[in-house]
Amino acid sequence: MSHSNPLYADPVEFAATRHRIVINLSGGQDGLVAGLIAMDAARQAGVADRIWTAHASLGPMEWPSVTVDGVRWPSASELAAQHSQALGVPPERHVEIRRNREVDGERVPFDLLTFIAERGDWPWLGRARTCTGPWKTKMVYQAFTPQVRALRRETDGPLMFANVLGMRAEESPDRRNREAWRRTTDNSARSSTSGCPPTR
């Protein structure tokens, strides 16, 4: 975890104050490196059992598994699960989330490809981005709502969550200038802080 924000100057002390530390894994290297940093801090704080991993799937637009010259290469979803295992997180603490919506009173999968087809346009920076908002970040938050309800019965005051993402500074000026820590959710039930440890 980053040292650039004085509010969280000591990543070990920060980890010790969180009820949950959620590492976002896409199957790429940045999430894995951020996860290693977060896990190291959590282990030093003695709270590695509070770490969960999450993969927000884009459905059919996810990179699938492929076989080349007899060698099978895993899908993005499989890689995310493997990265979680490599971090030392038990399988029961890794969650894969798919967006859904209600149709005729039933919850059915709603994937990014369907969203694009209905809009008649592709997402781009500044409008309907696929890596944030309803397709990624909000889905992860919603996946942990049942845990928030359960933990609230045992805890006074708001729950403290850390949402860990791996963002490469070289990818864009926006990412390069983004604060390493920011408060993303603050209500009577939960306070969430998103952290982007540098993964250069």
N, C-alpha and C. Protein backbone atom coordinates (compact mmCIF):
# COMPACT_ATOMS: atom_id res chain seq x y z
N MET A 1 0.83 -1.18 0.00
CA MET A 1 0.00 0.00 0.00
C MET A 1 0.88 1.24 0.00
N SER A 2 0.35 2.33 -0.53
CA SER A 2 1.18 3.49 -0.80
C SER A 2 1.47 4.30 0.46
N HIS A 3 2.62 4.98 0.45
CA HIS A 3 3.00 5.88 1.54
C HIS A 3 2.74 7.33 1.19
N SER A 4 2.13 7.62 0.01
CA SER A 4 2.07 8.99 -0.47
C SER A 4 1.02 9.84 0.23
N ASN A 5 0.08 9.26 0.92
CA ASN A 5 -0.94 10.02 1.62
C ASN A 5 -0.66 9.96 3.12
N PRO A 6 -0.42 11.12 3.76
CA PRO A 6 -0.07 11.10 5.18
C PRO A 6 -1.15 10.52 6.07
N LEU A 7 -2.42 10.54 5.60
CA LEU A 7 -3.50 9.98 6.39
C LEU A 7 -3.29 8.49 6.63
N TYR A 8 -2.66 7.81 5.64
CA TYR A 8 -2.40 6.38 5.74
C TYR A 8 -0.90 6.13 5.54
N ALA A 9 -0.09 6.84 6.33
CA ALA A 9 1.36 6.78 6.13
C ALA A 9 1.91 5.38 6.41
N ASP A 10 1.29 4.66 7.34
CA ASP A 10 1.76 3.33 7.68
C ASP A 10 0.76 2.30 7.16
N PRO A 11 1.10 1.57 6.10
CA PRO A 11 0.14 0.62 5.52
C PRO A 11 -0.24 -0.50 6.48
N VAL A 12 0.66 -0.87 7.39
CA VAL A 12 0.36 -1.94 8.34
C VAL A 12 -0.69 -1.46 9.34
N GLU A 13 -0.52 -0.24 9.85
CA GLU A 13 -1.52 0.31 10.77
C GLU A 13 -2.86 0.48 10.07
N PHE A 14 -2.81 0.91 8.81
CA PHE A 14 -4.05 1.08 8.05
C PHE A 14 -4.77 -0.25 7.90
N ALA A 15 -4.04 -1.28 7.51
CA ALA A 15 -4.65 -2.60 7.33
C ALA A 15 -5.29 -3.09 8.62
N ALA A 16 -4.66 -2.80 9.74
CA ALA A 16 -5.16 -3.27 11.04
C ALA A 16 -6.51 -2.66 11.39
N THR A 17 -6.84 -1.49 10.80
CA THR A 17 -8.10 -0.81 11.14
C THR A 17 -9.25 -1.19 10.21
N ARG A 18 -8.99 -2.00 9.19
CA ARG A 18 -10.04 -2.35 8.23
C ARG A 18 -10.75 -3.63 8.64
N HIS A 19 -12.08 -3.64 8.50
CA HIS A 19 -12.84 -4.86 8.74
C HIS A 19 -12.75 -5.82 7.54
N ARG A 20 -12.61 -5.27 6.35
CA ARG A 20 -12.41 -6.05 5.15
C ARG A 20 -11.43 -5.32 4.23
N ILE A 21 -10.56 -6.09 3.58
CA ILE A 21 -9.66 -5.57 2.57
C ILE A 21 -9.97 -6.36 1.30
N VAL A 22 -10.52 -5.69 0.30
CA VAL A 22 -10.98 -6.35 -0.91
C VAL A 22 -10.01 -6.02 -2.05
N ILE A 23 -9.36 -7.04 -2.57
CA ILE A 23 -8.42 -6.86 -3.67
C ILE A 23 -9.13 -7.17 -4.98
N ASN A 24 -9.16 -6.19 -5.88
CA ASN A 24 -9.80 -6.37 -7.18
C ASN A 24 -8.82 -7.03 -8.14
N LEU A 25 -9.22 -8.15 -8.73
CA LEU A 25 -8.37 -8.89 -9.65
C LEU A 25 -9.05 -9.02 -11.00
N SER A 26 -8.34 -8.61 -12.06
CA SER A 26 -8.89 -8.71 -13.41
C SER A 26 -8.26 -9.86 -14.18
N GLY A 27 -7.20 -10.43 -13.63
CA GLY A 27 -6.42 -11.42 -14.36
C GLY A 27 -5.14 -10.83 -14.90
N GLY A 28 -4.98 -9.50 -14.77
CA GLY A 28 -3.78 -8.82 -15.23
C GLY A 28 -2.74 -8.68 -14.13
N GLN A 29 -1.56 -8.21 -14.50
CA GLN A 29 -0.46 -8.15 -13.55
C GLN A 29 -0.60 -7.02 -12.53
N ASP A 30 -1.26 -5.91 -12.89
CA ASP A 30 -1.34 -4.79 -11.97
C ASP A 30 -2.15 -5.13 -10.72
N GLY A 31 -3.28 -5.82 -10.90
CA GLY A 31 -4.08 -6.23 -9.75
C GLY A 31 -3.33 -7.19 -8.86
N LEU A 32 -2.57 -8.09 -9.47
CA LEU A 32 -1.81 -9.05 -8.69
C LEU A 32 -0.72 -8.36 -7.87
N VAL A 33 0.00 -7.41 -8.48
CA VAL A 33 1.04 -6.70 -7.75
C VAL A 33 0.44 -5.89 -6.61
N ALA A 34 -0.67 -5.19 -6.87
CA ALA A 34 -1.35 -4.44 -5.81
C ALA A 34 -1.79 -5.39 -4.70
N GLY A 35 -2.26 -6.58 -5.09
CA GLY A 35 -2.67 -7.57 -4.11
C GLY A 35 -1.52 -8.04 -3.24
N LEU A 36 -0.35 -8.23 -3.84
CA LEU A 36 0.83 -8.63 -3.07
C LEU A 36 1.20 -7.58 -2.03
N ILE A 37 1.12 -6.31 -2.41
CA ILE A 37 1.43 -5.21 -1.49
C ILE A 37 0.42 -5.20 -0.34
N ALA A 38 -0.87 -5.33 -0.69
CA ALA A 38 -1.91 -5.32 0.34
C ALA A 38 -1.80 -6.53 1.27
N MET A 39 -1.55 -7.70 0.69
CA MET A 39 -1.43 -8.91 1.51
C MET A 39 -0.25 -8.82 2.45
N ASP A 40 0.86 -8.26 1.99
CA ASP A 40 2.03 -8.11 2.84
C ASP A 40 1.70 -7.24 4.06
N ALA A 41 1.01 -6.14 3.83
CA ALA A 41 0.64 -5.26 4.94
C ALA A 41 -0.33 -5.95 5.89
N ALA A 42 -1.30 -6.68 5.33
CA ALA A 42 -2.28 -7.38 6.15
C ALA A 42 -1.63 -8.47 7.00
N ARG A 43 -0.69 -9.19 6.43
CA ARG A 43 0.01 -10.23 7.20
C ARG A 43 0.81 -9.63 8.34
N GLN A 44 1.49 -8.52 8.06
CA GLN A 44 2.26 -7.87 9.12
C GLN A 44 1.35 -7.36 10.24
N ALA A 45 0.12 -6.97 9.86
CA ALA A 45 -0.83 -6.49 10.86
C ALA A 45 -1.58 -7.62 11.54
N GLY A 46 -1.40 -8.85 11.06
CA GLY A 46 -2.09 -9.99 11.64
C GLY A 46 -3.55 -10.08 11.24
N VAL A 47 -3.91 -9.49 10.08
CA VAL A 47 -5.32 -9.49 9.66
C VAL A 47 -5.48 -10.07 8.25
N ALA A 48 -4.61 -10.99 7.87
CA ALA A 48 -4.72 -11.60 6.54
C ALA A 48 -6.06 -12.30 6.34
N ASP A 49 -6.70 -12.71 7.43
CA ASP A 49 -7.99 -13.38 7.32
C ASP A 49 -9.11 -12.42 6.94
N ARG A 50 -8.82 -11.13 6.91
CA ARG A 50 -9.82 -10.14 6.49
C ARG A 50 -9.74 -9.83 5.00
N ILE A 51 -8.79 -10.44 4.31
CA ILE A 51 -8.62 -10.18 2.88
C ILE A 51 -9.54 -11.07 2.05
N TRP A 52 -10.23 -10.44 1.13
CA TRP A 52 -11.03 -11.12 0.13
C TRP A 52 -10.56 -10.65 -1.24
N THR A 53 -10.82 -11.44 -2.26
CA THR A 53 -10.53 -11.01 -3.63
C THR A 53 -11.82 -11.04 -4.43
N ALA A 54 -11.88 -10.16 -5.44
CA ALA A 54 -13.10 -10.07 -6.25
C ALA A 54 -12.73 -9.88 -7.72
N HIS A 55 -13.49 -10.55 -8.57
CA HIS A 55 -13.33 -10.39 -10.02
C HIS A 55 -14.69 -10.01 -10.59
N ALA A 56 -14.77 -8.80 -11.16
CA ALA A 56 -16.01 -8.34 -11.78
C ALA A 56 -15.98 -8.73 -13.26
N SER A 57 -16.77 -9.71 -13.62
CA SER A 57 -16.75 -10.26 -14.97
C SER A 57 -17.57 -9.40 -15.94
N LEU A 58 -17.07 -9.27 -17.16
CA LEU A 58 -17.80 -8.58 -18.22
C LEU A 58 -18.55 -9.55 -19.12
N GLY A 59 -18.67 -10.79 -18.68
CA GLY A 59 -19.44 -11.77 -19.44
C GLY A 59 -18.76 -12.17 -20.73
N PRO A 60 -19.50 -12.20 -21.86
CA PRO A 60 -18.92 -12.66 -23.12
C PRO A 60 -17.73 -11.82 -23.60
N MET A 61 -17.57 -10.61 -23.07
CA MET A 61 -16.45 -9.76 -23.49
C MET A 61 -15.18 -10.04 -22.70
N GLU A 62 -15.26 -10.95 -21.75
CA GLU A 62 -14.06 -11.36 -21.02
C GLU A 62 -13.14 -12.14 -21.95
N TRP A 63 -11.84 -12.04 -21.71
CA TRP A 63 -10.88 -12.82 -22.50
C TRP A 63 -11.10 -14.30 -22.18
N PRO A 64 -11.42 -15.11 -23.21
CA PRO A 64 -11.71 -16.52 -22.95
C PRO A 64 -10.43 -17.36 -22.88
N SER A 65 -10.57 -18.59 -22.47
CA SER A 65 -9.44 -19.51 -22.54
C SER A 65 -9.20 -19.88 -24.00
N VAL A 66 -7.95 -20.11 -24.34
CA VAL A 66 -7.61 -20.50 -25.72
C VAL A 66 -6.59 -21.63 -25.68
N THR A 67 -6.61 -22.44 -26.71
CA THR A 67 -5.63 -23.52 -26.84
C THR A 67 -4.82 -23.28 -28.11
N VAL A 68 -3.51 -23.18 -27.95
CA VAL A 68 -2.60 -22.93 -29.06
C VAL A 68 -1.51 -24.00 -29.06
N ASP A 69 -1.37 -24.69 -30.16
CA ASP A 69 -0.36 -25.75 -30.29
C ASP A 69 -0.46 -26.76 -29.13
N GLY A 70 -1.70 -27.07 -28.76
CA GLY A 70 -1.92 -28.05 -27.72
C GLY A 70 -1.78 -27.54 -26.30
N VAL A 71 -1.48 -26.25 -26.17
CA VAL A 71 -1.32 -25.66 -24.83
C VAL A 71 -2.55 -24.81 -24.52
N ARG A 72 -3.19 -25.09 -23.39
CA ARG A 72 -4.37 -24.32 -23.01
C ARG A 72 -3.96 -23.14 -22.13
N TRP A 73 -4.41 -21.95 -22.54
CA TRP A 73 -4.14 -20.74 -21.77
C TRP A 73 -5.43 -20.32 -21.07
N PRO A 74 -5.37 -20.01 -19.77
CA PRO A 74 -6.59 -19.75 -19.00
C PRO A 74 -7.29 -18.45 -19.40
N SER A 75 -8.58 -18.40 -19.09
CA SER A 75 -9.38 -17.19 -19.32
C SER A 75 -9.04 -16.14 -18.27
N ALA A 76 -9.54 -14.92 -18.48
CA ALA A 76 -9.33 -13.85 -17.50
C ALA A 76 -9.91 -14.24 -16.15
N SER A 77 -11.08 -14.87 -16.17
CA SER A 77 -11.72 -15.30 -14.93
C SER A 77 -10.88 -16.34 -14.20
N GLU A 78 -10.35 -17.30 -14.96
CA GLU A 78 -9.50 -18.33 -14.37
C GLU A 78 -8.21 -17.73 -13.81
N LEU A 79 -7.64 -16.77 -14.55
CA LEU A 79 -6.41 -16.11 -14.07
C LEU A 79 -6.66 -15.36 -12.77
N ALA A 80 -7.81 -14.68 -12.68
CA ALA A 80 -8.13 -13.95 -11.45
C ALA A 80 -8.21 -14.92 -10.27
N ALA A 81 -8.84 -16.08 -10.46
CA ALA A 81 -8.92 -17.07 -9.39
C ALA A 81 -7.55 -17.63 -9.04
N GLN A 82 -6.70 -17.83 -10.06
CA GLN A 82 -5.35 -18.32 -9.81
C GLN A 82 -4.51 -17.29 -9.06
N HIS A 83 -4.70 -16.01 -9.41
CA HIS A 83 -3.98 -14.94 -8.71
C HIS A 83 -4.41 -14.88 -7.24
N SER A 84 -5.70 -15.06 -7.00
CA SER A 84 -6.20 -15.07 -5.63
C SER A 84 -5.55 -16.20 -4.84
N GLN A 85 -5.47 -17.37 -5.46
CA GLN A 85 -4.84 -18.52 -4.81
C GLN A 85 -3.36 -18.25 -4.55
N ALA A 86 -2.68 -17.61 -5.52
CA ALA A 86 -1.26 -17.29 -5.36
C ALA A 86 -1.03 -16.32 -4.21
N LEU A 87 -2.01 -15.46 -3.96
CA LEU A 87 -1.91 -14.52 -2.84
C LEU A 87 -2.11 -15.20 -1.49
N GLY A 88 -2.61 -16.43 -1.53
CA GLY A 88 -2.86 -17.16 -0.29
C GLY A 88 -4.27 -17.00 0.23
N VAL A 89 -5.18 -16.54 -0.62
CA VAL A 89 -6.58 -16.35 -0.21
C VAL A 89 -7.35 -17.64 -0.45
N PRO A 90 -8.03 -18.17 0.55
CA PRO A 90 -8.80 -19.41 0.37
C PRO A 90 -9.87 -19.24 -0.70
N PRO A 91 -10.20 -20.30 -1.45
CA PRO A 91 -11.20 -20.20 -2.52
C PRO A 91 -12.53 -19.62 -2.07
N GLU A 92 -12.93 -19.90 -0.83
CA GLU A 92 -14.22 -19.39 -0.35
C GLU A 92 -14.22 -17.88 -0.13
N ARG A 93 -13.03 -17.27 -0.17
CA ARG A 93 -12.97 -15.81 -0.01
C ARG A 93 -12.65 -15.11 -1.34
N HIS A 94 -12.82 -15.83 -2.44
CA HIS A 94 -12.71 -15.21 -3.77
C HIS A 94 -14.10 -15.22 -4.40
N VAL A 95 -14.55 -14.06 -4.85
CA VAL A 95 -15.89 -13.97 -5.44
C VAL A 95 -15.79 -13.45 -6.87
N GLU A 96 -16.60 -14.05 -7.74
CA GLU A 96 -16.73 -13.54 -9.11
C GLU A 96 -18.12 -12.96 -9.23
N ILE A 97 -18.18 -11.74 -9.74
CA ILE A 97 -19.44 -11.02 -9.78
C ILE A 97 -19.84 -10.77 -11.22
N ARG A 98 -21.10 -11.04 -11.52
CA ARG A 98 -21.66 -10.71 -12.83
C ARG A 98 -22.83 -9.78 -12.62
N ARG A 99 -22.93 -8.76 -13.45
CA ARG A 99 -24.06 -7.85 -13.36
C ARG A 99 -25.31 -8.54 -13.88
N ASN A 100 -26.44 -8.23 -13.26
CA ASN A 100 -27.71 -8.75 -13.75
C ASN A 100 -28.79 -7.68 -13.63
N ARG A 101 -29.93 -7.97 -14.17
CA ARG A 101 -31.06 -7.03 -14.08
C ARG A 101 -32.35 -7.82 -14.06
N GLU A 102 -33.42 -7.12 -13.70
CA GLU A 102 -34.71 -7.80 -13.57
C GLU A 102 -35.47 -7.74 -14.90
N VAL A 103 -35.93 -8.90 -15.35
CA VAL A 103 -36.74 -9.00 -16.55
C VAL A 103 -37.94 -9.88 -16.23
N ASP A 104 -39.14 -9.32 -16.35
CA ASP A 104 -40.37 -10.06 -16.05
C ASP A 104 -40.33 -10.69 -14.67
N GLY A 105 -39.81 -9.94 -13.70
CA GLY A 105 -39.79 -10.41 -12.32
C GLY A 105 -38.66 -11.36 -11.97
N GLU A 106 -37.76 -11.63 -12.92
CA GLU A 106 -36.64 -12.53 -12.67
C GLU A 106 -35.31 -11.81 -12.88
N ARG A 107 -34.29 -12.19 -12.08
CA ARG A 107 -32.96 -11.65 -12.25
C ARG A 107 -32.23 -12.46 -13.31
N VAL A 108 -31.78 -11.78 -14.37
CA VAL A 108 -31.08 -12.45 -15.46
C VAL A 108 -29.74 -11.75 -15.72
N PRO A 109 -28.75 -12.47 -16.25
CA PRO A 109 -27.45 -11.85 -16.53
C PRO A 109 -27.59 -10.67 -17.50
N PHE A 110 -26.84 -9.62 -17.23
CA PHE A 110 -26.81 -8.45 -18.11
C PHE A 110 -25.35 -8.13 -18.37
N ASP A 111 -24.88 -8.41 -19.59
CA ASP A 111 -23.46 -8.27 -19.86
C ASP A 111 -23.18 -7.01 -20.67
N LEU A 112 -21.91 -6.68 -20.74
CA LEU A 112 -21.48 -5.45 -21.41
C LEU A 112 -21.81 -5.46 -22.89
N LEU A 113 -21.73 -6.62 -23.53
CA LEU A 113 -22.04 -6.70 -24.96
C LEU A 113 -23.51 -6.35 -25.21
N THR A 114 -24.41 -6.82 -24.34
CA THR A 114 -25.82 -6.47 -24.47
C THR A 114 -26.03 -4.98 -24.25
N PHE A 115 -25.33 -4.44 -23.28
CA PHE A 115 -25.41 -3.00 -22.99
C PHE A 115 -25.00 -2.19 -24.22
N ILE A 116 -23.90 -2.58 -24.87
CA ILE A 116 -23.42 -1.87 -26.06
C ILE A 116 -24.42 -1.98 -27.20
N ALA A 117 -24.99 -3.19 -27.39
CA ALA A 117 -25.96 -3.39 -28.46
C ALA A 117 -27.21 -2.53 -28.24
N GLU A 118 -27.66 -2.43 -26.99
CA GLU A 118 -28.85 -1.64 -26.70
C GLU A 118 -28.60 -0.15 -26.87
N ARG A 119 -27.38 0.28 -26.53
CA ARG A 119 -27.04 1.70 -26.69
C ARG A 119 -26.76 2.05 -28.14
N GLY A 120 -26.30 1.07 -28.91
CA GLY A 120 -25.93 1.33 -30.29
C GLY A 120 -24.64 2.11 -30.41
N ASP A 121 -23.79 2.01 -29.37
CA ASP A 121 -22.53 2.75 -29.37
C ASP A 121 -21.57 2.09 -28.41
N TRP A 122 -20.26 2.31 -28.63
CA TRP A 122 -19.24 1.76 -27.77
C TRP A 122 -18.93 2.71 -26.62
N PRO A 123 -18.60 2.18 -25.45
CA PRO A 123 -18.17 3.06 -24.36
C PRO A 123 -16.82 3.68 -24.69
N TRP A 124 -16.56 4.85 -24.15
CA TRP A 124 -15.24 5.45 -24.29
C TRP A 124 -14.98 6.34 -23.08
N LEU A 125 -13.76 6.82 -22.95
CA LEU A 125 -13.35 7.62 -21.80
C LEU A 125 -14.30 8.80 -21.62
N GLY A 126 -14.81 8.94 -20.42
CA GLY A 126 -15.71 10.04 -20.13
C GLY A 126 -17.18 9.68 -20.23
N ARG A 127 -17.48 8.55 -20.93
CA ARG A 127 -18.88 8.13 -21.06
C ARG A 127 -18.96 6.62 -20.97
N ALA A 128 -19.71 6.14 -19.99
CA ALA A 128 -19.98 4.69 -19.85
C ALA A 128 -18.71 3.86 -19.84
N ARG A 129 -17.72 4.27 -19.04
CA ARG A 129 -16.48 3.52 -18.99
C ARG A 129 -16.71 2.12 -18.43
N THR A 130 -15.98 1.14 -18.98
CA THR A 130 -16.22 -0.25 -18.59
C THR A 130 -15.46 -0.66 -17.34
N CYS A 131 -14.39 0.07 -16.97
CA CYS A 131 -13.55 -0.39 -15.86
C CYS A 131 -13.95 0.24 -14.53
N THR A 132 -14.96 1.11 -14.55
CA THR A 132 -15.39 1.75 -13.31
C THR A 132 -16.90 1.72 -13.26
N GLY A 133 -17.44 2.32 -12.21
CA GLY A 133 -18.88 2.49 -12.12
C GLY A 133 -19.65 1.18 -12.11
N PRO A 134 -20.77 1.12 -12.84
CA PRO A 134 -21.68 -0.03 -12.73
C PRO A 134 -21.11 -1.35 -13.21
N TRP A 135 -20.04 -1.35 -14.01
CA TRP A 135 -19.52 -2.60 -14.54
C TRP A 135 -18.38 -3.18 -13.72
N LYS A 136 -17.81 -2.41 -12.83
CA LYS A 136 -16.69 -2.91 -12.04
C LYS A 136 -16.84 -2.53 -10.57
N THR A 137 -16.52 -1.28 -10.24
CA THR A 137 -16.44 -0.85 -8.84
C THR A 137 -17.74 -1.06 -8.07
N LYS A 138 -18.85 -0.58 -8.63
CA LYS A 138 -20.12 -0.70 -7.92
C LYS A 138 -20.54 -2.15 -7.75
N MET A 139 -20.21 -2.98 -8.73
CA MET A 139 -20.53 -4.40 -8.61
C MET A 139 -19.79 -5.02 -7.43
N VAL A 140 -18.52 -4.64 -7.25
CA VAL A 140 -17.74 -5.17 -6.13
C VAL A 140 -18.33 -4.71 -4.82
N TYR A 141 -18.68 -3.42 -4.72
CA TYR A 141 -19.29 -2.92 -3.49
C TYR A 141 -20.56 -3.70 -3.14
N GLN A 142 -21.42 -3.88 -4.15
CA GLN A 142 -22.70 -4.56 -3.92
C GLN A 142 -22.50 -6.01 -3.49
N ALA A 143 -21.45 -6.64 -4.00
CA ALA A 143 -21.21 -8.05 -3.66
C ALA A 143 -20.93 -8.23 -2.17
N PHE A 144 -20.45 -7.19 -1.52
CA PHE A 144 -20.11 -7.31 -0.10
C PHE A 144 -21.18 -6.75 0.83
N THR A 145 -22.31 -6.34 0.27
CA THR A 145 -23.40 -5.85 1.10
C THR A 145 -23.87 -6.89 2.13
N PRO A 146 -24.03 -8.18 1.77
CA PRO A 146 -24.42 -9.17 2.79
C PRO A 146 -23.43 -9.24 3.95
N GLN A 147 -22.13 -9.10 3.67
CA GLN A 147 -21.15 -9.12 4.74
C GLN A 147 -21.27 -7.89 5.61
N VAL A 148 -21.58 -6.76 5.00
CA VAL A 148 -21.78 -5.53 5.78
C VAL A 148 -22.90 -5.74 6.79
N ARG A 149 -23.99 -6.33 6.33
CA ARG A 149 -25.14 -6.56 7.22
C ARG A 149 -24.76 -7.50 8.36
N ALA A 150 -24.02 -8.56 8.04
CA ALA A 150 -23.64 -9.52 9.08
C ALA A 150 -22.66 -8.90 10.07
N LEU A 151 -21.68 -8.18 9.56
CA LEU A 151 -20.67 -7.58 10.44
C LEU A 151 -21.23 -6.48 11.32
N ARG A 152 -22.25 -5.80 10.83
CA ARG A 152 -22.84 -4.71 11.62
C ARG A 152 -23.45 -5.21 12.92
N ARG A 153 -23.86 -6.48 12.91
CA ARG A 153 -24.43 -7.03 14.14
C ARG A 153 -23.37 -7.23 15.22
N GLU A 154 -22.09 -7.23 14.78
CA GLU A 154 -20.99 -7.46 15.72
C GLU A 154 -20.17 -6.21 16.00
N THR A 155 -20.44 -5.12 15.27
CA THR A 155 -19.58 -3.95 15.33
C THR A 155 -20.39 -2.69 15.56
N ASP A 156 -19.91 -1.84 16.45
CA ASP A 156 -20.52 -0.53 16.65
C ASP A 156 -19.91 0.46 15.65
N GLY A 157 -20.74 1.33 15.11
CA GLY A 157 -20.23 2.32 14.17
C GLY A 157 -20.08 1.76 12.77
N PRO A 158 -19.67 2.61 11.83
CA PRO A 158 -19.53 2.15 10.44
C PRO A 158 -18.39 1.17 10.27
N LEU A 159 -18.56 0.26 9.33
CA LEU A 159 -17.51 -0.69 9.01
C LEU A 159 -16.49 -0.03 8.11
N MET A 160 -15.24 -0.41 8.28
CA MET A 160 -14.16 0.19 7.50
C MET A 160 -13.66 -0.82 6.47
N PHE A 161 -13.87 -0.49 5.21
CA PHE A 161 -13.47 -1.35 4.10
C PHE A 161 -12.34 -0.69 3.32
N ALA A 162 -11.42 -1.49 2.81
CA ALA A 162 -10.41 -1.01 1.87
C ALA A 162 -10.63 -1.72 0.54
N ASN A 163 -10.73 -0.95 -0.53
CA ASN A 163 -10.93 -1.49 -1.86
C ASN A 163 -9.63 -1.27 -2.64
N VAL A 164 -8.89 -2.35 -2.90
CA VAL A 164 -7.55 -2.24 -3.48
C VAL A 164 -7.59 -2.52 -4.98
N LEU A 165 -7.06 -1.57 -5.75
CA LEU A 165 -7.00 -1.71 -7.21
C LEU A 165 -5.57 -1.50 -7.68
N GLY A 166 -5.19 -2.19 -8.73
CA GLY A 166 -3.88 -1.99 -9.34
C GLY A 166 -4.02 -1.11 -10.57
N MET A 167 -3.45 0.08 -10.52
CA MET A 167 -3.56 1.01 -11.66
C MET A 167 -2.17 1.47 -12.06
N ARG A 168 -1.83 1.23 -13.31
CA ARG A 168 -0.51 1.57 -13.82
C ARG A 168 -0.45 3.05 -14.19
N ALA A 169 0.44 3.79 -13.56
CA ALA A 169 0.53 5.23 -13.77
C ALA A 169 0.84 5.59 -15.22
N GLU A 170 1.59 4.72 -15.91
CA GLU A 170 1.98 5.02 -17.28
C GLU A 170 0.82 4.92 -18.28
N GLU A 171 -0.33 4.39 -17.85
CA GLU A 171 -1.42 4.18 -18.80
C GLU A 171 -2.09 5.47 -19.23
N SER A 172 -2.13 6.48 -18.34
CA SER A 172 -2.80 7.73 -18.70
C SER A 172 -2.44 8.83 -17.71
N PRO A 173 -2.56 10.10 -18.13
CA PRO A 173 -2.32 11.22 -17.19
C PRO A 173 -3.28 11.16 -16.01
N ASP A 174 -4.53 10.72 -16.26
CA ASP A 174 -5.51 10.63 -15.17
C ASP A 174 -5.03 9.68 -14.08
N ARG A 175 -4.56 8.52 -14.50
CA ARG A 175 -4.09 7.54 -13.51
C ARG A 175 -2.79 8.00 -12.84
N ARG A 176 -1.94 8.67 -13.61
CA ARG A 176 -0.68 9.14 -13.06
C ARG A 176 -0.91 10.19 -11.98
N ASN A 177 -1.94 11.03 -12.14
CA ASN A 177 -2.20 12.12 -11.21
C ASN A 177 -3.21 11.78 -10.13
N ARG A 178 -3.74 10.58 -10.17
CA ARG A 178 -4.76 10.18 -9.20
C ARG A 178 -4.14 9.96 -7.82
N GLU A 179 -4.87 10.39 -6.79
CA GLU A 179 -4.40 10.15 -5.43
C GLU A 179 -4.34 8.66 -5.16
N ALA A 180 -3.34 8.26 -4.38
CA ALA A 180 -3.21 6.84 -4.05
C ALA A 180 -4.35 6.37 -3.16
N TRP A 181 -4.93 7.27 -2.38
CA TRP A 181 -6.03 6.92 -1.49
C TRP A 181 -7.16 7.91 -1.67
N ARG A 182 -8.38 7.43 -1.65
CA ARG A 182 -9.52 8.33 -1.63
C ARG A 182 -10.73 7.64 -1.01
N ARG A 183 -11.53 8.43 -0.30
CA ARG A 183 -12.75 7.92 0.32
C ARG A 183 -13.80 7.78 -0.75
N THR A 184 -14.34 6.58 -0.94
CA THR A 184 -15.29 6.34 -2.01
C THR A 184 -16.71 6.09 -1.53
N THR A 185 -16.87 5.64 -0.32
CA THR A 185 -18.19 5.40 0.25
C THR A 185 -18.15 5.82 1.70
N ASP A 186 -19.11 6.59 2.12
CA ASP A 186 -19.15 7.03 3.51
C ASP A 186 -20.60 7.20 3.93
N ASN A 187 -21.12 6.19 4.64
CA ASN A 187 -22.49 6.29 5.12
C ASN A 187 -22.58 5.62 6.49
N SER A 188 -23.78 5.49 7.01
CA SER A 188 -23.94 4.95 8.36
C SER A 188 -23.56 3.48 8.46
N ALA A 189 -23.52 2.78 7.31
CA ALA A 189 -23.22 1.35 7.33
C ALA A 189 -21.77 1.04 7.06
N ARG A 190 -21.14 1.83 6.18
CA ARG A 190 -19.81 1.43 5.72
C ARG A 190 -19.04 2.65 5.26
N SER A 191 -17.76 2.65 5.57
CA SER A 191 -16.84 3.64 5.03
C SER A 191 -15.79 2.89 4.22
N SER A 192 -15.71 3.19 2.93
CA SER A 192 -14.77 2.49 2.05
C SER A 192 -13.72 3.46 1.52
N THR A 193 -12.50 3.01 1.56
CA THR A 193 -11.39 3.77 1.02
C THR A 193 -10.77 2.96 -0.11
N SER A 194 -10.68 3.59 -1.29
CA SER A 194 -10.04 2.91 -2.42
C SER A 194 -8.58 3.28 -2.46
N GLY A 195 -7.75 2.25 -2.60
CA GLY A 195 -6.32 2.47 -2.68
C GLY A 195 -5.77 1.91 -3.96
N CYS A 196 -4.84 2.65 -4.55
CA CYS A 196 -4.19 2.22 -5.79
C CYS A 196 -2.69 2.20 -5.55
N PRO A 197 -2.15 1.13 -4.96
CA PRO A 197 -0.70 1.06 -4.77
C PRO A 197 0.01 1.16 -6.10
N PRO A 198 1.13 1.87 -6.16
CA PRO A 198 1.84 1.99 -7.45
C PRO A 198 2.31 0.63 -7.94
N THR A 199 2.04 0.32 -9.21
CA THR A 199 2.41 -0.99 -9.76
C THR A 199 3.34 -0.84 -10.93
N ARG A 200 4.17 0.17 -10.91
CA ARG A 200 5.14 0.39 -11.98
C ARG A 200 6.10 -0.78 -12.05
